[in-house]
């Protein structure tokens, strides 16, 4: 399949998925309204606060709250605005995933299959419909990684800075930027690297100054509160159990406290694991020059994210904590399939279609 044909197929799939999301409608989680309240208070002129006159940073998604607040100023209903932006971000994320894998030298079948699996993951759609910042955050993460792979350092730094303002875990991208700048130094101009870091400093620095003056710290109060529970052995065991259950059975499904096999997670996890091992083995064997950036751009962020969240015992009932894992599993599944099928594009696309069809039927 040609690049243009792949883009057309992906575009139609994205539009279909967005239409389904709009038809199913807005379905919030309880934490959704924490950020919504910050956004509405900001839009109404009461400042970036949860309660009037109490400057406390209680949301871990300040950029998402500010963006929704900007739309609320012009009269846009906040629930529908969050839904539309999230669904649009998911479509853009699928294209970023397709472009990322293409830039890393994978053939046409793997990038298209990965993007289609990402769009076809039904449980991820429930997160996009929740009004949480997850879809926006994933869009920024994939935008940063795709820009790194394309040697667009200014764009990568901008995406990374915005991601860090959307979720604390976005700071992981800031660790990757200097490494990417060094690795691709032969393809970059010093002016682009300097401009990228200047943009990053402006984005992160502006928020750091504002948060420090207004709240006394850049660390959200919710993070401080949860940090007090880190030593609880019961919470530690609960979090690790939830992480294991996610890879074996999927996230909590139709209702928050119900798990399902809708995502066929045993199969998905197995194929993704094979894909990850194949990437690492290629680096160890040094079979091609693309091996190192493939591992760095496809494995570092999800592995570091899972490790950080697991160590902090954050994997509880709440589905949005698992959202950033999905696009990377979607990328690794066709890679693992290709490794098992010896790079057969037809097999890769067939497995992708089967997974999507099975998930849709189950859902």
Protein backbone atom coordinates (compact mmCIF):
# COMPACT_ATOMS: atom_id res chain seq x y z
CA UNK A 1 0.00 0.00 0.00
CA UNK A 2 1.34 3.44 -0.93
CA UNK A 3 1.91 6.22 1.58
CA UNK A 4 -0.99 8.23 0.14
CA UNK A 5 -3.33 5.23 0.32
CA UNK A 6 -2.27 4.58 3.93
CA UNK A 7 -2.96 8.20 4.83
CA UNK A 8 -6.41 7.98 3.25
CA UNK A 9 -7.29 4.76 5.09
CA UNK A 10 -6.04 6.21 8.36
CA UNK A 11 -7.95 9.45 7.80
CA UNK A 12 -11.21 7.60 7.18
CA UNK A 13 -10.64 5.42 10.24
CA UNK A 14 -9.97 8.51 12.32
CA UNK A 15 -13.13 10.26 11.15
CA UNK A 16 -15.18 7.13 11.82
CA UNK A 17 -13.74 6.79 15.29
CA UNK A 18 -14.39 10.48 16.08
CA UNK A 19 -17.98 10.13 14.87
CA UNK A 20 -18.49 7.10 17.11
CA UNK A 21 -17.07 9.03 20.06
CA UNK A 22 -19.43 11.95 19.43
CA UNK A 23 -22.37 9.56 19.07
CA UNK A 24 -21.56 7.79 22.34
CA UNK A 25 -21.12 11.18 23.98
CA UNK A 26 -19.44 12.61 27.05
CA UNK A 27 -18.88 10.16 29.93
CA UNK A 28 -16.95 11.78 32.80
CA UNK A 29 -14.96 10.36 35.67
CA UNK A 30 -15.19 12.05 39.06
CA UNK A 31 -11.71 13.62 38.76
CA UNK A 32 -12.79 15.27 35.51
CA UNK A 33 -14.58 18.01 37.42
CA UNK A 34 -11.54 18.99 39.45
CA UNK A 35 -9.87 20.34 36.33
CA UNK A 36 -13.19 21.63 34.97
CA UNK A 37 -13.68 23.69 38.11
CA UNK A 38 -10.26 25.30 37.73
CA UNK A 39 -11.08 26.06 34.11
CA UNK A 40 -14.48 27.61 34.89
CA UNK A 41 -13.15 29.70 37.77
CA UNK A 42 -10.37 30.96 35.53
CA UNK A 43 -12.84 31.80 32.76
CA UNK A 44 -15.15 33.64 35.16
CA UNK A 45 -12.34 35.86 36.42
CA UNK A 46 -11.84 34.27 39.83
CA UNK A 47 -8.33 33.09 39.02
CA UNK A 48 -6.70 29.70 38.68
CA UNK A 49 -8.27 28.31 41.86
CA UNK A 50 -10.55 25.50 42.99
CA UNK A 51 -12.18 27.55 45.76
CA UNK A 52 -12.47 31.32 45.55
CA UNK A 53 -9.65 33.07 47.36
CA UNK A 54 -7.69 29.85 48.05
CA UNK A 55 -4.60 29.65 45.81
CA UNK A 56 -3.94 25.90 45.91
CA UNK A 57 -2.61 23.92 42.94
CA UNK A 58 -4.91 20.93 43.12
CA UNK A 59 -4.85 19.82 39.49
CA UNK A 60 -2.05 17.88 37.83
CA UNK A 61 -3.18 19.14 34.41
CA UNK A 62 -2.76 22.95 34.48
CA UNK A 63 -2.38 23.39 30.71
CA UNK A 64 -5.54 21.36 30.04
CA UNK A 65 -7.44 23.50 32.55
CA UNK A 66 -6.16 26.73 31.01
CA UNK A 67 -7.06 25.61 27.49
CA UNK A 68 -10.59 24.63 28.50
CA UNK A 69 -10.87 27.92 30.39
CA UNK A 70 -9.95 29.82 27.22
CA UNK A 71 -12.79 28.11 25.35
CA UNK A 72 -15.17 28.74 28.25
CA UNK A 73 -14.42 32.48 27.96
CA UNK A 74 -15.95 32.52 24.48
CA UNK A 75 -18.99 30.59 25.70
CA UNK A 76 -18.08 27.06 24.56
CA UNK A 77 -19.68 24.38 26.80
CA UNK A 78 -16.83 22.78 28.70
CA UNK A 79 -17.99 19.14 28.53
CA UNK A 80 -18.52 19.15 24.77
CA UNK A 81 -15.33 21.14 24.22
CA UNK A 82 -13.29 18.58 26.17
CA UNK A 83 -14.88 15.73 24.20
CA UNK A 84 -14.27 17.29 20.78
CA UNK A 85 -10.67 18.25 21.56
CA UNK A 86 -9.90 14.79 22.96
CA UNK A 87 -11.34 12.98 19.94
CA UNK A 88 -9.45 15.29 17.58
CA UNK A 89 -6.25 14.71 19.54
CA UNK A 90 -6.68 10.95 19.20
CA UNK A 91 -6.92 11.23 15.42
CA UNK A 92 -3.82 13.45 15.37
CA UNK A 93 -2.05 10.98 17.68
CA UNK A 94 -2.77 8.15 15.25
CA UNK A 95 -1.14 10.14 12.46
CA UNK A 96 1.82 10.95 14.72
CA UNK A 97 2.23 7.25 15.52
CA UNK A 98 2.12 6.43 11.80
CA UNK A 99 4.70 9.10 11.01
CA UNK A 100 6.92 8.11 13.94
CA UNK A 101 7.17 4.49 12.84
CA UNK A 102 7.67 5.55 9.22
CA UNK A 103 10.47 7.93 10.23
CA UNK A 104 12.12 5.08 12.16
CA UNK A 105 12.36 3.06 8.96
CA UNK A 106 9.52 0.57 9.34
CA UNK A 107 7.74 -0.49 6.19
CA UNK A 108 4.27 0.67 5.25
CA UNK A 109 2.43 -2.19 6.95
CA UNK A 110 3.68 -1.68 10.51
CA UNK A 111 2.98 2.10 10.81
CA UNK A 112 -0.53 1.73 9.40
CA UNK A 113 -1.31 -1.31 11.55
CA UNK A 114 -0.09 0.47 14.70
CA UNK A 115 -2.18 3.56 14.04
CA UNK A 116 -5.26 1.47 13.28
CA UNK A 117 -4.84 -0.63 16.43
CA UNK A 118 -4.50 2.57 18.46
CA UNK A 119 -7.73 3.97 16.99
CA UNK A 120 -9.47 0.64 17.41
CA UNK A 121 -8.68 0.25 21.11
CA UNK A 122 -12.17 0.58 22.52
CA UNK A 123 -11.26 1.06 26.18
CA UNK A 124 -8.99 3.96 25.23
CA UNK A 125 -12.02 5.62 23.63
CA UNK A 126 -13.72 5.62 27.04
CA UNK A 127 -10.82 7.68 28.38
CA UNK A 128 -11.11 10.14 25.48
CA UNK A 129 -14.80 10.59 26.31
CA UNK A 130 -14.10 11.29 29.98
CA UNK A 131 -13.03 14.93 29.73
CA UNK A 132 -9.66 14.11 31.29
CA UNK A 133 -6.40 15.45 29.86
CA UNK A 134 -5.20 12.00 28.73
CA UNK A 135 -5.80 12.32 24.98
CA UNK A 136 -4.24 15.77 24.90
CA UNK A 137 -1.22 14.50 26.83
CA UNK A 138 -0.73 11.48 24.55
CA UNK A 139 -0.98 13.81 21.53
CA UNK A 140 1.81 16.00 22.94
CA UNK A 141 4.00 13.00 23.83
CA UNK A 142 3.70 11.49 20.36
CA UNK A 143 4.21 14.92 18.80
CA UNK A 144 7.48 15.29 20.71
CA UNK A 145 8.73 11.82 19.78
CA UNK A 146 7.73 12.17 16.14
CA UNK A 147 9.48 15.54 15.94
CA UNK A 148 12.64 14.01 17.44
CA UNK A 149 12.59 11.24 14.84
CA UNK A 150 12.08 13.82 12.08
CA UNK A 151 14.99 15.94 13.39
CA UNK A 152 12.64 18.87 14.09
CA UNK A 153 14.18 19.94 17.37
CA UNK A 154 12.23 23.16 17.89
CA UNK A 155 8.92 21.34 17.48
CA UNK A 156 10.14 18.51 19.74
CA UNK A 157 11.10 20.95 22.49
CA UNK A 158 7.78 22.77 22.19
CA UNK A 159 5.74 19.57 22.41
CA UNK A 160 7.85 18.36 25.35
CA UNK A 161 7.43 21.62 27.25
CA UNK A 162 3.66 21.62 26.75
CA UNK A 163 3.48 17.95 27.78
CA UNK A 164 5.27 18.74 31.04
CA UNK A 165 2.63 21.41 31.75
CA UNK A 166 -0.16 18.94 31.00
CA UNK A 167 1.01 16.05 33.16
CA UNK A 168 3.98 15.77 35.57
CA UNK A 169 5.07 12.65 33.68
CA UNK A 170 5.76 14.85 30.67
CA UNK A 171 9.06 15.76 32.33
CA UNK A 172 10.34 12.39 31.10
CA UNK A 173 10.46 13.93 27.62
CA UNK A 174 12.75 16.66 28.94
CA UNK A 175 15.29 13.94 29.74
CA UNK A 176 15.12 12.72 26.15
CA UNK A 177 15.63 16.09 24.46
CA UNK A 178 19.36 16.55 25.18
CA UNK A 179 20.04 12.95 24.16
CA UNK A 180 18.10 13.41 20.91
CA UNK A 181 19.96 16.66 20.21
CA UNK A 182 23.29 14.92 20.73
CA UNK A 183 22.38 11.81 18.72
CA UNK A 184 21.05 13.77 15.74
CA UNK A 185 23.64 16.56 16.03
CA UNK A 186 24.95 15.90 12.52
CA UNK A 187 21.49 16.59 11.07
CA UNK A 188 20.69 19.63 13.20
CA UNK A 189 21.81 23.23 13.13
CA UNK A 190 23.06 24.72 16.37
CA UNK A 191 20.54 27.52 15.92
CA UNK A 192 17.67 25.01 15.95
CA UNK A 193 18.97 23.36 19.12
CA UNK A 194 19.39 26.74 20.82
CA UNK A 195 15.93 27.88 19.70
CA UNK A 196 14.39 24.64 20.93
CA UNK A 197 15.88 24.96 24.39
CA UNK A 198 14.90 28.65 24.46
CA UNK A 199 11.28 27.74 23.72
CA UNK A 200 11.41 25.04 26.38
CA UNK A 201 12.84 27.46 28.94
CA UNK A 202 10.16 30.02 28.09
CA UNK A 203 7.30 27.52 28.42
CA UNK A 204 8.50 25.75 31.56
CA UNK A 205 10.00 28.87 33.12
CA UNK A 206 6.85 30.96 32.74
CA UNK A 207 4.75 28.33 34.50
CA UNK A 208 7.39 27.77 37.19
CA UNK A 209 7.50 31.48 38.01
CA UNK A 210 3.70 31.82 38.06
CA UNK A 211 3.16 28.64 40.13
CA UNK A 212 5.83 29.55 42.64
CA UNK A 213 4.46 33.06 43.14
CA UNK A 214 0.81 31.99 43.23
CA UNK A 215 0.90 28.59 44.94
CA UNK A 216 4.32 28.54 46.54
CA UNK A 217 5.40 25.49 44.55
CA UNK A 218 5.21 23.92 41.09
CA UNK A 219 4.30 20.56 42.67
CA UNK A 220 0.51 19.98 42.70
CA UNK A 221 -0.97 19.53 46.17
CA UNK A 222 -2.58 16.27 45.05
CA UNK A 223 0.90 14.86 44.36
CA UNK A 224 2.05 15.94 47.82
CA UNK A 225 -1.00 14.34 49.42
CA UNK A 226 -0.53 11.06 47.56
CA UNK A 227 3.16 11.02 48.40
CA UNK A 228 2.20 10.51 52.02
CA UNK A 229 0.70 7.13 51.14
CA UNK A 230 3.71 5.76 49.23
CA UNK A 231 4.98 3.74 52.20
CA UNK A 232 1.68 1.98 52.76
CA UNK A 233 2.42 -1.71 52.00
CA UNK A 234 -1.24 -2.41 51.19
CA UNK A 235 -1.29 0.34 48.56
CA UNK A 236 2.01 -0.92 47.14
CA UNK A 237 0.63 -4.41 46.65
CA UNK A 238 -2.66 -3.05 45.28
CA UNK A 239 -0.85 -0.93 42.70
CA UNK A 240 1.39 -3.74 41.48
CA UNK A 241 -1.59 -6.08 41.27
CA UNK A 242 -3.47 -3.55 39.16
CA UNK A 243 -0.52 -3.14 36.80
CA UNK A 244 -0.31 -6.91 36.32
CA UNK A 245 -4.06 -7.12 35.77
CA UNK A 246 -3.88 -4.36 33.16
CA UNK A 247 -1.50 -6.36 30.98
CA UNK A 248 -3.43 -9.59 31.57
CA UNK A 249 -7.05 -8.42 31.52
CA UNK A 250 -7.10 -4.77 30.49
CA UNK A 251 -8.14 -1.61 32.28
CA UNK A 252 -11.30 -1.27 34.33
CA UNK A 253 -14.02 -1.48 31.72
CA UNK A 254 -17.63 -0.37 31.21
CA UNK A 255 -17.98 0.59 34.86
CA UNK A 256 -14.99 1.93 36.78
CA UNK A 257 -14.69 -1.13 39.02
CA UNK A 258 -15.26 -3.79 36.35
CA UNK A 259 -12.50 -5.37 34.27
CA UNK A 260 -13.15 -6.88 30.87
CA UNK A 261 -11.34 -8.89 28.23
CA UNK A 262 -12.57 -6.46 25.55
CA UNK A 263 -9.03 -5.47 24.56
CA UNK A 264 -7.80 -9.08 24.25
CA UNK A 265 -4.94 -7.96 26.48
CA UNK A 266 -3.23 -11.36 26.85
CA UNK A 267 -2.70 -11.43 23.08
CA UNK A 268 -1.86 -7.74 22.83
CA UNK A 269 0.62 -7.90 25.73
CA UNK A 270 2.30 -11.00 24.30
CA UNK A 271 2.76 -9.49 20.83
CA UNK A 272 3.89 -6.16 22.29
CA UNK A 273 6.39 -7.98 24.50
CA UNK A 274 7.80 -9.82 21.48
CA UNK A 275 8.08 -6.49 19.66
CA UNK A 276 9.95 -4.89 22.55
CA UNK A 277 12.36 -7.82 22.88
CA UNK A 278 12.97 -7.78 19.11
CA UNK A 279 13.91 -4.09 19.24
CA UNK A 280 16.32 -4.63 22.13
CA UNK A 281 17.90 -7.69 20.49
CA UNK A 282 18.50 -5.65 17.34
CA UNK A 283 20.45 -3.12 19.39
CA UNK A 284 22.52 -5.80 21.09
CA UNK A 285 23.33 -7.41 17.75
CA UNK A 286 23.82 -4.00 16.06
CA UNK A 287 22.19 -5.28 12.92
CA UNK A 288 21.28 -1.84 11.57
CA UNK A 289 21.81 1.85 12.26
CA UNK A 290 18.12 2.42 13.03
CA UNK A 291 18.13 0.09 16.04
CA UNK A 292 19.19 2.63 18.68
CA UNK A 293 16.64 5.41 17.89
CA UNK A 294 13.92 2.78 17.54
CA UNK A 295 14.55 1.56 21.08
CA UNK A 296 14.98 5.07 22.46
CA UNK A 297 11.84 6.55 20.89
CA UNK A 298 9.55 3.53 21.26
CA UNK A 299 10.63 2.04 24.59
CA UNK A 300 12.17 4.67 26.85
CA UNK A 301 9.09 6.78 27.55
CA UNK A 302 6.60 3.93 28.20
CA UNK A 303 9.12 1.96 30.28
CA UNK A 304 10.10 5.02 32.32
CA UNK A 305 6.45 6.01 32.71
CA UNK A 306 5.38 2.57 33.92
CA UNK A 307 8.38 2.37 36.26
CA UNK A 308 7.74 5.81 37.76
CA UNK A 309 4.03 5.22 38.24
CA UNK A 310 4.60 1.73 39.64
CA UNK A 311 7.23 2.87 42.12
CA UNK A 312 4.91 5.67 43.29
CA UNK A 313 2.04 3.13 43.63
CA UNK A 314 -0.18 5.18 41.30
CA UNK A 315 -1.77 2.29 39.38
CA UNK A 316 -5.13 2.09 41.14
CA UNK A 317 -8.67 1.78 39.79
CA UNK A 318 -8.50 4.89 37.64
CA UNK A 319 -8.24 4.22 33.88
CA UNK A 320 -6.57 7.49 32.91
CA UNK A 321 -3.30 6.40 34.56
CA UNK A 322 -2.97 3.68 31.92
CA UNK A 323 -3.72 5.92 28.92
CA UNK A 324 -0.10 6.76 27.92
CA UNK A 325 0.71 3.05 27.64
CA UNK A 326 -1.77 2.36 24.83
CA UNK A 327 -0.07 4.03 21.82
CA UNK A 328 3.22 2.25 22.53
CA UNK A 329 1.53 -1.11 22.87
CA UNK A 330 -0.24 -0.37 19.59
CA UNK A 331 3.17 0.32 18.02
CA UNK A 332 4.81 -2.80 19.44
CA UNK A 333 2.03 -5.23 18.48
CA UNK A 334 2.67 -5.10 14.69
CA UNK A 335 6.42 -5.07 15.31
CA UNK A 336 6.07 -8.25 17.34
CA UNK A 337 3.78 -9.74 14.72
CA UNK A 338 6.29 -8.93 11.97
CA UNK A 339 9.08 -10.52 14.01
CA UNK A 340 7.08 -13.72 14.36
CA UNK A 341 5.89 -13.65 10.74
CA UNK A 342 9.29 -12.67 9.36
CA UNK A 343 8.27 -9.19 8.17
CA UNK A 344 5.12 -10.17 6.28
CA UNK A 345 3.12 -6.96 5.77
CA UNK A 346 0.01 -8.94 4.87
CA UNK A 347 0.19 -10.89 8.13
CA UNK A 348 0.76 -7.71 10.14
CA UNK A 349 -2.29 -5.97 8.66
CA UNK A 350 -4.39 -9.14 8.98
CA UNK A 351 -3.59 -9.46 12.69
CA UNK A 352 -4.32 -5.75 13.19
CA UNK A 353 -7.71 -6.07 11.49
CA UNK A 354 -8.52 -9.19 13.50
CA UNK A 355 -7.71 -7.46 16.79
CA UNK A 356 -9.81 -4.43 15.89
CA UNK A 357 -12.74 -6.54 14.70
CA UNK A 358 -12.64 -8.73 17.80
CA UNK A 359 -12.52 -5.72 20.12
CA UNK A 360 -15.36 -4.00 18.31
CA UNK A 361 -17.52 -7.14 18.43
CA UNK A 362 -16.82 -7.63 22.13
CA UNK A 363 -17.48 -3.97 22.91
